[in-house]
Amino acid sequence: MKAFQKLDNFLDFCWAQISRGKADKKSPARYPTFVTSTLNGFPSARTLVIRSYDRKNNQIEFHTDTASSKMLALEDNPHAGIHIWLPKVQLQIQMEVIVEVKVGDITIPYWRDVPSKSKVTYGTIPSPGTVLESPFAYDYTSNQKRFAVLVCDIQAIQLLLLGDKHIRAHYKKTTNWQGEWLSP
C-alpha cells in the first residue's frame, strides 16, 4: 500500500488512475458509476464509460442518448456524482460535478470519433426505458441527433485509500484544489 504524506501526491495518484482508465479498457476506472437525482428525488446510479478527461480544466466527459432518463434528471438538476472503485490499488474516488450537456451540431466532431458499432446505441427505438412486450422488442439505429456529450466540471474530489491505516482526503475547486486530510 502506498503511504501518502503529501496531499498533492495523493491527488496526482488519483489522476494517474483516471488516466489509466481512459487508456486501458480493462481498468475499472474506465467504468465509473454516474449518479443523478430522479425527478422524485431518489438517487439514480448507472455505469458509464469515460470518453475523455482533462486534468488541467478538471473535467471528465461521457456520452449518452438524449432520450435517456439521465437527460431528464440533468435538465432538472445539473449536479451529479461520480464514483470509481479501484480494487487493485484499494482506492475509492468520489467526485461532485456540474454537468454541461452538449447536443446538436456541436457534437458532430465527437460523433465522428464514435466507433460505428457504438453509434447504434444512440437512437434505440423505442427510447431507453420504454416498457417492452419481450426482451428484444427494440431496434438499434444510428442517430446523431440522439447523441449527447456530458461535460462534467469537477467541483470536489474525495479520495479514500484502504490499507492497514486508511488515508482520506478532500479537494475542492473553490480552494484551488488545496486538499485537506480527513479522518477515514
N, C-alpha and C. Protein backbone atom coordinates (compact mmCIF):
# COMPACT_ATOMS: atom_id res chain seq x y z
N MET A 1 0.83 -1.19 0.00
CA MET A 1 0.00 0.00 0.00
C MET A 1 0.86 1.24 0.00
N LYS A 2 0.47 2.21 -0.79
CA LYS A 2 1.18 3.49 -0.80
C LYS A 2 0.81 4.26 0.46
N ALA A 3 1.77 4.95 1.00
CA ALA A 3 1.53 5.80 2.17
C ALA A 3 1.81 7.24 1.76
N PHE A 4 0.78 7.98 1.50
CA PHE A 4 0.94 9.36 1.05
C PHE A 4 1.10 10.28 2.24
N GLN A 5 2.12 11.13 2.17
CA GLN A 5 2.35 12.14 3.19
C GLN A 5 1.98 13.53 2.68
N LYS A 6 1.91 13.67 1.35
CA LYS A 6 1.61 14.97 0.74
C LYS A 6 0.30 14.90 -0.02
N LEU A 7 -0.55 15.87 0.21
CA LEU A 7 -1.85 15.92 -0.43
C LEU A 7 -1.73 15.97 -1.96
N ASP A 8 -0.77 16.74 -2.47
CA ASP A 8 -0.61 16.84 -3.93
C ASP A 8 -0.27 15.49 -4.55
N ASN A 9 0.56 14.71 -3.87
CA ASN A 9 0.92 13.38 -4.39
C ASN A 9 -0.28 12.45 -4.43
N PHE A 10 -1.14 12.56 -3.44
CA PHE A 10 -2.34 11.74 -3.38
C PHE A 10 -3.28 12.09 -4.54
N LEU A 11 -3.45 13.39 -4.80
CA LEU A 11 -4.29 13.82 -5.92
C LEU A 11 -3.67 13.40 -7.26
N ASP A 12 -2.36 13.49 -7.38
CA ASP A 12 -1.68 13.03 -8.60
C ASP A 12 -1.94 11.54 -8.83
N PHE A 13 -1.92 10.76 -7.76
CA PHE A 13 -2.19 9.32 -7.84
C PHE A 13 -3.61 9.08 -8.37
N CYS A 14 -4.55 9.87 -7.88
CA CYS A 14 -5.94 9.78 -8.35
C CYS A 14 -6.01 10.01 -9.86
N TRP A 15 -5.42 11.08 -10.33
CA TRP A 15 -5.47 11.40 -11.76
C TRP A 15 -4.73 10.37 -12.60
N ALA A 16 -3.68 9.79 -12.06
CA ALA A 16 -2.97 8.72 -12.78
C ALA A 16 -3.90 7.51 -12.98
N GLN A 17 -4.74 7.23 -11.98
CA GLN A 17 -5.68 6.12 -12.10
C GLN A 17 -6.76 6.42 -13.14
N ILE A 18 -7.23 7.66 -13.17
CA ILE A 18 -8.22 8.07 -14.16
C ILE A 18 -7.61 7.98 -15.56
N SER A 19 -6.37 8.42 -15.69
CA SER A 19 -5.66 8.34 -16.97
C SER A 19 -5.54 6.89 -17.43
N ARG A 20 -5.22 6.03 -16.49
CA ARG A 20 -5.11 4.60 -16.83
C ARG A 20 -6.46 4.05 -17.29
N GLY A 21 -7.52 4.50 -16.64
CA GLY A 21 -8.86 4.06 -17.02
C GLY A 21 -9.22 4.45 -18.44
N LYS A 22 -8.80 5.61 -18.86
CA LYS A 22 -9.08 6.04 -20.24
C LYS A 22 -8.28 5.21 -21.23
N ALA A 23 -7.05 4.85 -20.88
CA ALA A 23 -6.16 4.13 -21.80
C ALA A 23 -6.37 2.62 -21.80
N ASP A 24 -6.80 2.06 -20.68
CA ASP A 24 -6.87 0.61 -20.52
C ASP A 24 -8.33 0.16 -20.38
N LYS A 25 -8.84 -0.55 -21.40
CA LYS A 25 -10.23 -0.98 -21.38
C LYS A 25 -10.54 -1.97 -20.27
N LYS A 26 -9.51 -2.54 -19.65
CA LYS A 26 -9.73 -3.49 -18.55
C LYS A 26 -9.71 -2.82 -17.18
N SER A 27 -9.32 -1.56 -17.14
CA SER A 27 -9.26 -0.85 -15.85
C SER A 27 -10.66 -0.49 -15.39
N PRO A 28 -10.98 -0.76 -14.10
CA PRO A 28 -12.29 -0.35 -13.59
C PRO A 28 -12.48 1.17 -13.58
N ALA A 29 -11.39 1.93 -13.66
CA ALA A 29 -11.51 3.38 -13.70
C ALA A 29 -12.18 3.85 -14.99
N ARG A 30 -12.21 3.01 -15.99
CA ARG A 30 -12.85 3.33 -17.27
C ARG A 30 -14.37 3.36 -17.14
N TYR A 31 -14.90 2.67 -16.13
CA TYR A 31 -16.35 2.46 -15.99
C TYR A 31 -16.88 2.97 -14.65
N PRO A 32 -16.86 4.28 -14.44
CA PRO A 32 -17.35 4.80 -13.16
C PRO A 32 -18.87 4.73 -13.05
N THR A 33 -19.33 4.84 -11.84
CA THR A 33 -20.75 4.97 -11.57
C THR A 33 -21.09 6.46 -11.60
N PHE A 34 -22.13 6.78 -12.36
CA PHE A 34 -22.58 8.16 -12.54
C PHE A 34 -23.93 8.28 -11.85
N VAL A 35 -24.07 9.23 -10.93
CA VAL A 35 -25.27 9.33 -10.10
C VAL A 35 -25.95 10.69 -10.31
N THR A 36 -27.25 10.62 -10.60
CA THR A 36 -28.07 11.81 -10.70
C THR A 36 -29.24 11.66 -9.72
N SER A 37 -30.05 12.70 -9.61
CA SER A 37 -31.27 12.63 -8.80
C SER A 37 -32.45 12.52 -9.74
N THR A 38 -33.34 11.57 -9.45
CA THR A 38 -34.54 11.43 -10.27
C THR A 38 -35.47 12.60 -9.98
N LEU A 39 -36.50 12.75 -10.81
CA LEU A 39 -37.44 13.84 -10.64
C LEU A 39 -38.20 13.75 -9.32
N ASN A 40 -38.28 12.53 -8.74
CA ASN A 40 -38.93 12.38 -7.44
C ASN A 40 -37.94 12.38 -6.28
N GLY A 41 -36.68 12.77 -6.56
CA GLY A 41 -35.71 12.98 -5.51
C GLY A 41 -34.82 11.81 -5.13
N PHE A 42 -35.05 10.65 -5.73
CA PHE A 42 -34.22 9.49 -5.41
C PHE A 42 -32.94 9.50 -6.24
N PRO A 43 -31.85 8.93 -5.70
CA PRO A 43 -30.64 8.82 -6.50
C PRO A 43 -30.83 7.76 -7.58
N SER A 44 -30.19 7.98 -8.72
CA SER A 44 -30.21 7.03 -9.83
C SER A 44 -28.77 6.84 -10.29
N ALA A 45 -28.27 5.61 -10.16
CA ALA A 45 -26.87 5.32 -10.48
C ALA A 45 -26.80 4.39 -11.67
N ARG A 46 -25.81 4.64 -12.54
CA ARG A 46 -25.57 3.77 -13.68
C ARG A 46 -24.09 3.84 -14.04
N THR A 47 -23.63 2.83 -14.74
CA THR A 47 -22.24 2.78 -15.17
C THR A 47 -22.11 3.46 -16.53
N LEU A 48 -21.14 4.34 -16.65
CA LEU A 48 -20.83 4.99 -17.92
C LEU A 48 -19.38 4.72 -18.26
N VAL A 49 -18.99 5.07 -19.48
CA VAL A 49 -17.61 4.89 -19.93
C VAL A 49 -16.98 6.27 -20.05
N ILE A 50 -15.82 6.45 -19.43
CA ILE A 50 -15.10 7.72 -19.57
C ILE A 50 -14.65 7.84 -21.02
N ARG A 51 -15.06 8.92 -21.68
CA ARG A 51 -14.68 9.15 -23.07
C ARG A 51 -13.46 10.05 -23.18
N SER A 52 -13.32 10.97 -22.24
CA SER A 52 -12.11 11.78 -22.16
C SER A 52 -12.04 12.43 -20.79
N TYR A 53 -10.87 12.94 -20.47
CA TYR A 53 -10.68 13.66 -19.21
C TYR A 53 -9.70 14.77 -19.48
N ASP A 54 -9.75 15.80 -18.67
CA ASP A 54 -8.88 16.96 -18.82
C ASP A 54 -8.52 17.44 -17.42
N ARG A 55 -7.37 17.05 -16.96
CA ARG A 55 -6.99 17.43 -15.60
C ARG A 55 -6.79 18.93 -15.47
N LYS A 56 -6.22 19.53 -16.50
CA LYS A 56 -5.96 20.97 -16.45
C LYS A 56 -7.26 21.75 -16.18
N ASN A 57 -8.34 21.33 -16.82
CA ASN A 57 -9.63 22.00 -16.65
C ASN A 57 -10.56 21.26 -15.70
N ASN A 58 -10.07 20.18 -15.10
CA ASN A 58 -10.83 19.39 -14.13
C ASN A 58 -12.18 18.95 -14.68
N GLN A 59 -12.10 18.24 -15.82
CA GLN A 59 -13.31 17.77 -16.47
C GLN A 59 -13.19 16.31 -16.87
N ILE A 60 -14.35 15.66 -16.88
CA ILE A 60 -14.47 14.29 -17.39
C ILE A 60 -15.68 14.30 -18.32
N GLU A 61 -15.57 13.56 -19.45
CA GLU A 61 -16.66 13.52 -20.41
C GLU A 61 -17.20 12.11 -20.59
N PHE A 62 -18.52 12.07 -20.78
CA PHE A 62 -19.24 10.84 -21.09
C PHE A 62 -20.15 11.10 -22.28
N HIS A 63 -20.63 10.05 -22.90
CA HIS A 63 -21.63 10.15 -23.97
C HIS A 63 -22.90 9.48 -23.49
N THR A 64 -24.04 9.96 -24.02
CA THR A 64 -25.32 9.35 -23.69
C THR A 64 -26.33 9.60 -24.80
N ASP A 65 -27.45 8.89 -24.72
CA ASP A 65 -28.57 9.07 -25.63
C ASP A 65 -29.44 10.19 -25.06
N THR A 66 -29.85 11.13 -25.89
CA THR A 66 -30.65 12.25 -25.41
C THR A 66 -32.01 11.81 -24.87
N ALA A 67 -32.45 10.60 -25.22
CA ALA A 67 -33.74 10.10 -24.73
C ALA A 67 -33.61 9.32 -23.43
N SER A 68 -32.41 9.26 -22.85
CA SER A 68 -32.21 8.50 -21.61
C SER A 68 -32.76 9.26 -20.41
N SER A 69 -33.06 8.51 -19.35
CA SER A 69 -33.60 9.12 -18.13
C SER A 69 -32.60 10.08 -17.49
N LYS A 70 -31.32 9.85 -17.67
CA LYS A 70 -30.35 10.75 -17.05
C LYS A 70 -30.43 12.15 -17.64
N MET A 71 -30.86 12.25 -18.91
CA MET A 71 -31.01 13.57 -19.53
C MET A 71 -32.13 14.36 -18.85
N LEU A 72 -33.25 13.71 -18.55
CA LEU A 72 -34.34 14.39 -17.82
C LEU A 72 -33.86 14.83 -16.45
N ALA A 73 -33.13 13.96 -15.79
CA ALA A 73 -32.62 14.29 -14.46
C ALA A 73 -31.67 15.48 -14.52
N LEU A 74 -30.79 15.51 -15.53
CA LEU A 74 -29.82 16.60 -15.64
C LEU A 74 -30.48 17.92 -16.04
N GLU A 75 -31.57 17.85 -16.80
CA GLU A 75 -32.31 19.07 -17.13
C GLU A 75 -32.89 19.69 -15.85
N ASP A 76 -33.36 18.83 -14.96
CA ASP A 76 -33.94 19.29 -13.70
C ASP A 76 -32.87 19.74 -12.71
N ASN A 77 -31.73 19.03 -12.70
CA ASN A 77 -30.66 19.31 -11.74
C ASN A 77 -29.33 18.89 -12.36
N PRO A 78 -28.49 19.84 -12.75
CA PRO A 78 -27.23 19.50 -13.41
C PRO A 78 -26.12 19.00 -12.48
N HIS A 79 -26.43 18.87 -11.19
CA HIS A 79 -25.44 18.36 -10.23
C HIS A 79 -25.48 16.83 -10.25
N ALA A 80 -24.30 16.22 -10.28
CA ALA A 80 -24.21 14.76 -10.32
C ALA A 80 -23.01 14.31 -9.50
N GLY A 81 -22.93 13.01 -9.30
CA GLY A 81 -21.81 12.40 -8.60
C GLY A 81 -21.16 11.35 -9.49
N ILE A 82 -19.88 11.18 -9.31
CA ILE A 82 -19.13 10.13 -10.00
C ILE A 82 -18.42 9.33 -8.92
N HIS A 83 -18.51 8.01 -9.02
CA HIS A 83 -17.85 7.12 -8.06
C HIS A 83 -17.02 6.11 -8.83
N ILE A 84 -15.76 5.97 -8.42
CA ILE A 84 -14.86 4.98 -9.03
C ILE A 84 -14.26 4.16 -7.91
N TRP A 85 -14.34 2.84 -8.03
CA TRP A 85 -13.71 1.93 -7.07
C TRP A 85 -12.65 1.14 -7.81
N LEU A 86 -11.41 1.20 -7.31
CA LEU A 86 -10.27 0.52 -7.91
C LEU A 86 -9.74 -0.53 -6.94
N PRO A 87 -10.22 -1.77 -7.06
CA PRO A 87 -9.88 -2.80 -6.07
C PRO A 87 -8.40 -3.13 -6.01
N LYS A 88 -7.72 -3.10 -7.14
CA LYS A 88 -6.31 -3.49 -7.14
C LYS A 88 -5.45 -2.56 -6.28
N VAL A 89 -5.76 -1.26 -6.32
CA VAL A 89 -4.99 -0.30 -5.53
C VAL A 89 -5.76 0.15 -4.29
N GLN A 90 -6.97 -0.41 -4.08
CA GLN A 90 -7.79 -0.14 -2.91
C GLN A 90 -8.12 1.35 -2.75
N LEU A 91 -8.46 1.98 -3.88
CA LEU A 91 -8.75 3.41 -3.89
C LEU A 91 -10.20 3.66 -4.30
N GLN A 92 -10.87 4.49 -3.52
CA GLN A 92 -12.21 4.98 -3.86
C GLN A 92 -12.09 6.45 -4.22
N ILE A 93 -12.65 6.81 -5.37
CA ILE A 93 -12.68 8.20 -5.83
C ILE A 93 -14.14 8.63 -5.91
N GLN A 94 -14.47 9.72 -5.24
CA GLN A 94 -15.80 10.30 -5.33
C GLN A 94 -15.67 11.73 -5.84
N MET A 95 -16.53 12.08 -6.80
CA MET A 95 -16.49 13.43 -7.36
C MET A 95 -17.88 14.05 -7.32
N GLU A 96 -17.91 15.33 -7.05
CA GLU A 96 -19.12 16.13 -7.21
C GLU A 96 -18.90 16.95 -8.46
N VAL A 97 -19.87 16.89 -9.40
CA VAL A 97 -19.71 17.56 -10.68
C VAL A 97 -20.95 18.36 -11.05
N ILE A 98 -20.72 19.37 -11.87
CA ILE A 98 -21.81 20.10 -12.54
C ILE A 98 -21.70 19.73 -14.01
N VAL A 99 -22.81 19.27 -14.58
CA VAL A 99 -22.79 18.71 -15.93
C VAL A 99 -23.33 19.71 -16.94
N GLU A 100 -22.52 19.94 -17.97
CA GLU A 100 -22.97 20.69 -19.14
C GLU A 100 -23.32 19.65 -20.20
N VAL A 101 -24.52 19.75 -20.75
CA VAL A 101 -24.97 18.80 -21.77
C VAL A 101 -24.82 19.46 -23.13
N LYS A 102 -24.07 18.78 -24.01
CA LYS A 102 -23.91 19.26 -25.38
C LYS A 102 -24.73 18.38 -26.30
N VAL A 103 -25.57 19.00 -27.12
CA VAL A 103 -26.39 18.28 -28.09
C VAL A 103 -26.38 19.05 -29.41
N GLY A 104 -26.84 18.39 -30.47
CA GLY A 104 -26.96 19.07 -31.76
C GLY A 104 -25.65 19.11 -32.52
N ASP A 105 -25.52 20.13 -33.36
CA ASP A 105 -24.37 20.24 -34.27
C ASP A 105 -23.03 20.33 -33.54
N ILE A 106 -23.04 20.86 -32.34
CA ILE A 106 -21.79 20.99 -31.58
C ILE A 106 -21.16 19.62 -31.29
N THR A 107 -21.98 18.56 -31.34
CA THR A 107 -21.47 17.21 -31.03
C THR A 107 -20.94 16.47 -32.27
N ILE A 108 -21.08 17.05 -33.44
CA ILE A 108 -20.64 16.36 -34.67
C ILE A 108 -19.18 15.93 -34.61
N PRO A 109 -18.24 16.79 -34.15
CA PRO A 109 -16.84 16.32 -34.06
C PRO A 109 -16.67 15.12 -33.13
N TYR A 110 -17.44 15.08 -32.05
CA TYR A 110 -17.39 13.94 -31.13
C TYR A 110 -17.96 12.70 -31.81
N TRP A 111 -19.07 12.87 -32.51
CA TRP A 111 -19.77 11.79 -33.20
C TRP A 111 -18.86 11.09 -34.19
N ARG A 112 -18.04 11.86 -34.88
CA ARG A 112 -17.12 11.28 -35.87
C ARG A 112 -16.15 10.29 -35.23
N ASP A 113 -15.83 10.50 -33.95
CA ASP A 113 -14.88 9.62 -33.25
C ASP A 113 -15.54 8.41 -32.59
N VAL A 114 -16.86 8.35 -32.59
CA VAL A 114 -17.56 7.21 -32.01
C VAL A 114 -17.46 6.04 -32.98
N PRO A 115 -17.00 4.87 -32.51
CA PRO A 115 -16.92 3.71 -33.41
C PRO A 115 -18.29 3.36 -33.99
N SER A 116 -18.32 2.89 -35.23
CA SER A 116 -19.58 2.57 -35.91
C SER A 116 -20.45 1.62 -35.10
N LYS A 117 -19.82 0.60 -34.52
CA LYS A 117 -20.62 -0.38 -33.75
C LYS A 117 -21.22 0.24 -32.49
N SER A 118 -20.65 1.33 -32.01
CA SER A 118 -21.20 2.02 -30.83
C SER A 118 -22.26 3.04 -31.20
N LYS A 119 -22.21 3.58 -32.40
CA LYS A 119 -23.17 4.61 -32.82
C LYS A 119 -24.61 4.11 -32.76
N VAL A 120 -24.82 2.83 -32.96
CA VAL A 120 -26.19 2.31 -32.99
C VAL A 120 -26.87 2.37 -31.63
N THR A 121 -26.12 2.59 -30.57
CA THR A 121 -26.75 2.69 -29.24
C THR A 121 -27.35 4.07 -28.99
N TYR A 122 -27.11 5.01 -29.89
CA TYR A 122 -27.68 6.35 -29.78
C TYR A 122 -28.80 6.45 -30.80
N GLY A 123 -30.00 6.13 -30.38
CA GLY A 123 -31.14 6.16 -31.28
C GLY A 123 -32.00 4.92 -31.18
N THR A 124 -31.84 4.14 -30.13
CA THR A 124 -32.63 2.92 -29.94
C THR A 124 -34.12 3.25 -30.04
N ILE A 125 -34.86 2.38 -30.74
CA ILE A 125 -36.30 2.53 -30.88
C ILE A 125 -36.97 1.30 -30.28
N PRO A 126 -37.88 1.45 -29.33
CA PRO A 126 -38.28 2.70 -28.68
C PRO A 126 -37.16 3.22 -27.77
N SER A 127 -37.37 4.41 -27.24
CA SER A 127 -36.36 5.08 -26.41
C SER A 127 -35.98 4.25 -25.19
N PRO A 128 -34.76 4.45 -24.67
CA PRO A 128 -34.33 3.73 -23.47
C PRO A 128 -35.33 3.89 -22.32
N GLY A 129 -35.61 2.79 -21.64
CA GLY A 129 -36.50 2.79 -20.50
C GLY A 129 -37.96 2.54 -20.85
N THR A 130 -38.29 2.47 -22.14
CA THR A 130 -39.66 2.19 -22.56
C THR A 130 -40.00 0.74 -22.22
N VAL A 131 -41.21 0.50 -21.72
CA VAL A 131 -41.66 -0.85 -21.42
C VAL A 131 -41.79 -1.64 -22.73
N LEU A 132 -41.29 -2.88 -22.73
CA LEU A 132 -41.32 -3.75 -23.91
C LEU A 132 -42.20 -4.97 -23.64
N GLU A 133 -42.73 -5.56 -24.71
CA GLU A 133 -43.51 -6.79 -24.58
C GLU A 133 -42.63 -8.01 -24.44
N SER A 134 -41.40 -7.92 -24.95
CA SER A 134 -40.43 -9.01 -24.84
C SER A 134 -39.03 -8.41 -24.77
N PRO A 135 -38.02 -9.18 -24.34
CA PRO A 135 -36.70 -8.59 -24.08
C PRO A 135 -36.01 -7.97 -25.29
N PHE A 136 -36.35 -8.43 -26.51
CA PHE A 136 -35.66 -7.93 -27.69
C PHE A 136 -36.60 -7.18 -28.64
N ALA A 137 -37.66 -6.61 -28.11
CA ALA A 137 -38.63 -5.88 -28.93
C ALA A 137 -38.18 -4.43 -29.12
N TYR A 138 -36.99 -4.26 -29.60
CA TYR A 138 -36.44 -2.93 -29.90
C TYR A 138 -35.50 -3.06 -31.08
N ASP A 139 -35.17 -1.92 -31.68
CA ASP A 139 -34.23 -1.88 -32.79
C ASP A 139 -33.14 -0.86 -32.49
N TYR A 140 -31.94 -1.18 -32.94
CA TYR A 140 -30.84 -0.23 -32.87
C TYR A 140 -30.86 0.61 -34.13
N THR A 141 -30.67 1.91 -33.96
CA THR A 141 -30.49 2.79 -35.10
C THR A 141 -29.34 3.73 -34.75
N SER A 142 -28.75 4.30 -35.73
CA SER A 142 -27.68 5.26 -35.53
C SER A 142 -28.24 6.64 -35.81
N ASN A 143 -28.31 7.49 -34.79
CA ASN A 143 -28.95 8.78 -34.95
C ASN A 143 -28.15 9.85 -34.20
N GLN A 144 -27.38 10.63 -34.92
CA GLN A 144 -26.55 11.67 -34.32
C GLN A 144 -27.38 12.68 -33.54
N LYS A 145 -28.63 12.86 -33.91
CA LYS A 145 -29.50 13.81 -33.20
C LYS A 145 -29.85 13.30 -31.79
N ARG A 146 -29.65 12.02 -31.54
CA ARG A 146 -29.92 11.45 -30.21
C ARG A 146 -28.62 11.30 -29.40
N PHE A 147 -27.55 11.87 -29.88
CA PHE A 147 -26.23 11.76 -29.25
C PHE A 147 -25.97 13.01 -28.41
N ALA A 148 -25.53 12.81 -27.17
CA ALA A 148 -25.18 13.93 -26.28
C ALA A 148 -23.83 13.68 -25.63
N VAL A 149 -23.13 14.75 -25.38
CA VAL A 149 -21.86 14.71 -24.66
C VAL A 149 -22.10 15.37 -23.31
N LEU A 150 -21.73 14.66 -22.26
CA LEU A 150 -21.85 15.18 -20.89
C LEU A 150 -20.48 15.65 -20.44
N VAL A 151 -20.31 16.95 -20.32
CA VAL A 151 -19.05 17.52 -19.85
C VAL A 151 -19.21 17.79 -18.36
N CYS A 152 -18.48 17.04 -17.56
CA CYS A 152 -18.61 17.12 -16.10
C CYS A 152 -17.50 18.00 -15.54
N ASP A 153 -17.89 19.13 -15.02
CA ASP A 153 -16.96 20.08 -14.40
C ASP A 153 -16.83 19.70 -12.93
N ILE A 154 -15.67 19.20 -12.58
CA ILE A 154 -15.46 18.67 -11.23
C ILE A 154 -15.38 19.82 -10.22
N GLN A 155 -16.20 19.72 -9.19
CA GLN A 155 -16.24 20.72 -8.13
C GLN A 155 -15.49 20.26 -6.88
N ALA A 156 -15.49 18.95 -6.65
CA ALA A 156 -14.82 18.40 -5.47
C ALA A 156 -14.45 16.95 -5.74
N ILE A 157 -13.36 16.53 -5.12
CA ILE A 157 -12.89 15.15 -5.20
C ILE A 157 -12.60 14.68 -3.78
N GLN A 158 -13.10 13.51 -3.45
CA GLN A 158 -12.76 12.90 -2.17
C GLN A 158 -12.12 11.54 -2.44
N LEU A 159 -10.99 11.30 -1.81
CA LEU A 159 -10.24 10.05 -2.01
C LEU A 159 -10.18 9.28 -0.71
N LEU A 160 -10.31 7.96 -0.83
CA LEU A 160 -10.15 7.08 0.33
C LEU A 160 -9.29 5.90 -0.12
N LEU A 161 -8.14 5.78 0.48
CA LEU A 161 -7.22 4.68 0.20
C LEU A 161 -7.24 3.72 1.37
N LEU A 162 -7.63 2.48 1.10
CA LEU A 162 -7.71 1.48 2.15
C LEU A 162 -6.37 0.80 2.35
N GLY A 163 -6.07 0.47 3.58
CA GLY A 163 -4.82 -0.20 3.92
C GLY A 163 -4.80 -0.49 5.41
N ASP A 164 -3.64 -0.83 5.92
CA ASP A 164 -3.52 -1.05 7.36
C ASP A 164 -4.02 0.18 8.12
N LYS A 165 -3.66 1.33 7.61
CA LYS A 165 -4.20 2.60 8.10
C LYS A 165 -4.75 3.32 6.87
N HIS A 166 -6.05 3.55 6.87
CA HIS A 166 -6.69 4.21 5.74
C HIS A 166 -6.23 5.66 5.63
N ILE A 167 -6.26 6.18 4.39
CA ILE A 167 -5.92 7.58 4.14
C ILE A 167 -7.09 8.20 3.38
N ARG A 168 -7.53 9.36 3.86
CA ARG A 168 -8.67 10.02 3.22
C ARG A 168 -8.36 11.51 3.08
N ALA A 169 -8.75 12.07 1.92
CA ALA A 169 -8.52 13.50 1.68
C ALA A 169 -9.66 14.07 0.84
N HIS A 170 -9.83 15.37 0.94
CA HIS A 170 -10.88 16.08 0.22
C HIS A 170 -10.25 17.28 -0.48
N TYR A 171 -10.62 17.49 -1.75
CA TYR A 171 -10.10 18.58 -2.57
C TYR A 171 -11.28 19.32 -3.18
N LYS A 172 -11.21 20.66 -3.24
CA LYS A 172 -12.30 21.45 -3.78
C LYS A 172 -11.78 22.46 -4.80
N LYS A 173 -12.56 22.65 -5.83
CA LYS A 173 -12.24 23.65 -6.84
C LYS A 173 -12.18 25.04 -6.19
N THR A 174 -13.09 25.31 -5.25
CA THR A 174 -13.17 26.63 -4.62
C THR A 174 -11.91 26.99 -3.84
N THR A 175 -11.10 25.98 -3.48
CA THR A 175 -9.84 26.26 -2.77
C THR A 175 -8.64 25.98 -3.67
N ASN A 176 -8.90 26.00 -5.01
CA ASN A 176 -7.84 25.75 -5.99
C ASN A 176 -7.16 24.40 -5.76
N TRP A 177 -7.98 23.41 -5.36
CA TRP A 177 -7.54 22.02 -5.19
C TRP A 177 -6.52 21.83 -4.07
N GLN A 178 -6.51 22.79 -3.13
CA GLN A 178 -5.69 22.61 -1.94
C GLN A 178 -6.42 21.61 -1.04
N GLY A 179 -5.89 20.42 -0.93
CA GLY A 179 -6.58 19.37 -0.20
C GLY A 179 -6.51 19.53 1.31
N GLU A 180 -7.28 18.69 1.96
CA GLU A 180 -7.21 18.60 3.42
C GLU A 180 -7.39 17.13 3.79
N TRP A 181 -6.66 16.70 4.78
CA TRP A 181 -6.78 15.33 5.25
C TRP A 181 -8.06 15.19 6.05
N LEU A 182 -8.71 14.04 5.93
CA LEU A 182 -9.92 13.76 6.68
C LEU A 182 -9.74 12.46 7.46
N SER A 183 -10.44 12.35 8.53
CA SER A 183 -10.45 11.09 9.26
C SER A 183 -11.18 10.06 8.39
N PRO A 184 -10.56 8.88 8.25
CA PRO A 184 -11.21 7.88 7.41
C PRO A 184 -12.42 7.28 8.10
